[in-house]
Amino acid sequence: MRQALVLSDKDNVATALADLAASATVEVEVQGNARSVTLRADVPFGHKFALAALAAGEPVVKYGYPIGRTTAPVEPGDHVHVHNVEGLRGRGDLESKRTG
């Protein structure tokens, strides 16, 4: 059974298809290339985990598109969620800075 989903070779996160436990090694396939990631924390169903190290402020890419940016450094296998990512879509505060 596949444990995580990655749709684009641009993705730097994978989406858990089941509750995954810390220290589990998860196999992911990115456009025919298999790789494994050892989880550093529990990752609930539907949440993301990092495939690569990301510095604070880097984009989080899922399904080939940036969905947010990190607010702290992230290591491969880290749970990626609201505690270390800020969303970029629908943010009126960012829009006003661009037009103001």
Protein backbone atom coordinates (compact mmCIF):
# COMPACT_ATOMS: atom_id res chain seq x y z
CA MET A 1 0.00 0.00 0.00
CA ARG A 2 1.29 3.44 -0.93
CA GLN A 3 1.86 5.57 2.18
CA ALA A 4 2.38 9.00 0.64
CA LEU A 5 1.59 10.96 -2.48
CA VAL A 6 3.93 13.11 -4.57
CA LEU A 7 2.61 14.36 -7.91
CA SER A 8 5.37 16.56 -9.28
CA ASP A 9 9.14 16.37 -9.45
CA LYS A 10 9.02 20.00 -8.23
CA ASP A 11 7.40 18.96 -4.91
CA ASN A 12 9.49 19.27 -1.77
CA VAL A 13 6.78 17.72 0.42
CA ALA A 14 4.74 14.53 0.27
CA THR A 15 1.18 14.03 1.55
CA ALA A 16 0.52 11.19 4.01
CA LEU A 17 -2.14 8.72 2.81
CA ALA A 18 -2.42 7.21 6.32
CA ASP A 19 -1.37 8.12 9.84
CA LEU A 20 2.41 7.69 9.82
CA ALA A 21 4.58 7.21 12.90
CA ALA A 22 7.84 8.94 13.74
CA SER A 23 10.92 6.90 12.76
CA ALA A 24 8.99 5.07 10.00
CA THR A 25 10.76 4.93 6.66
CA VAL A 26 8.33 5.93 3.92
CA GLU A 27 8.91 5.07 0.27
CA VAL A 28 7.79 7.72 -2.20
CA GLU A 29 7.88 7.68 -5.97
CA VAL A 30 8.42 10.84 -7.95
CA GLN A 31 7.84 10.36 -11.68
CA GLY A 32 9.24 6.83 -11.63
CA ASN A 33 12.11 7.56 -9.24
CA ALA A 34 11.77 5.87 -5.86
CA ARG A 35 13.27 7.31 -2.71
CA SER A 36 12.79 6.84 0.99
CA VAL A 37 12.39 9.33 3.81
CA THR A 38 12.62 8.54 7.52
CA LEU A 39 10.03 10.52 9.46
CA ARG A 40 11.26 12.67 12.34
CA ALA A 41 7.75 13.13 13.80
CA ASP A 42 4.30 11.59 13.59
CA VAL A 43 2.48 12.73 10.43
CA PRO A 44 -1.34 12.45 10.47
CA PHE A 45 -3.35 11.39 7.42
CA GLY A 46 -3.57 14.23 4.89
CA HIS A 47 -0.68 16.19 6.37
CA LYS A 48 2.65 16.84 4.69
CA PHE A 49 6.22 15.84 5.42
CA ALA A 50 9.41 17.27 3.97
CA LEU A 51 11.31 15.46 1.23
CA ALA A 52 14.26 17.86 1.42
CA ALA A 53 15.84 20.32 3.82
CA LEU A 54 14.29 23.79 3.62
CA ALA A 55 15.60 26.97 5.18
CA ALA A 56 13.25 29.42 6.86
CA GLY A 57 11.45 31.49 4.22
CA GLU A 58 11.68 28.90 1.42
CA PRO A 59 8.59 27.95 -0.60
CA VAL A 60 6.72 24.76 0.22
CA VAL A 61 5.82 23.11 -3.10
CA LYS A 62 2.95 20.62 -3.34
CA TYR A 63 1.44 19.31 -6.60
CA GLY A 64 4.01 21.42 -8.44
CA TYR A 65 2.86 24.77 -6.97
CA PRO A 66 4.03 26.83 -3.99
CA ILE A 67 1.42 26.62 -1.23
CA GLY A 68 3.26 28.48 1.50
CA ARG A 69 6.68 29.24 2.92
CA THR A 70 8.55 27.87 5.88
CA THR A 71 8.72 29.93 9.07
CA ALA A 72 11.57 27.83 10.50
CA PRO A 73 14.18 25.45 9.12
CA VAL A 74 12.72 22.08 8.07
CA GLU A 75 14.63 18.81 7.74
CA PRO A 76 13.74 15.84 5.53
CA GLY A 77 11.09 13.78 7.33
CA ASP A 78 9.75 16.70 9.40
CA HIS A 79 5.99 17.17 9.71
CA VAL A 80 5.15 20.26 7.61
CA HIS A 81 2.08 22.08 8.90
CA VAL A 82 0.95 25.34 10.51
CA HIS A 83 3.69 25.18 13.17
CA ASN A 84 6.41 25.68 10.53
CA VAL A 85 4.62 27.00 7.41
CA GLU A 86 2.60 30.09 6.62
CA GLY A 87 0.10 30.06 3.78
CA LEU A 88 0.42 32.51 0.93
CA ARG A 89 -2.96 32.17 -0.78
CA GLY A 90 -5.86 34.47 0.02
CA ARG A 91 -3.71 36.69 2.24
CA GLY A 92 -5.09 40.22 2.08
CA ASP A 93 -2.14 41.52 4.07
CA LEU A 94 0.28 40.40 1.36
CA GLU A 95 -1.92 41.74 -1.43
CA SER A 96 -2.08 45.21 0.13
CA LYS A 97 1.74 45.32 0.33
CA ARG A 98 1.97 44.57 -3.41
CA THR A 99 -0.55 47.24 -4.44
CA GLY A 100 0.07 49.80 -1.69
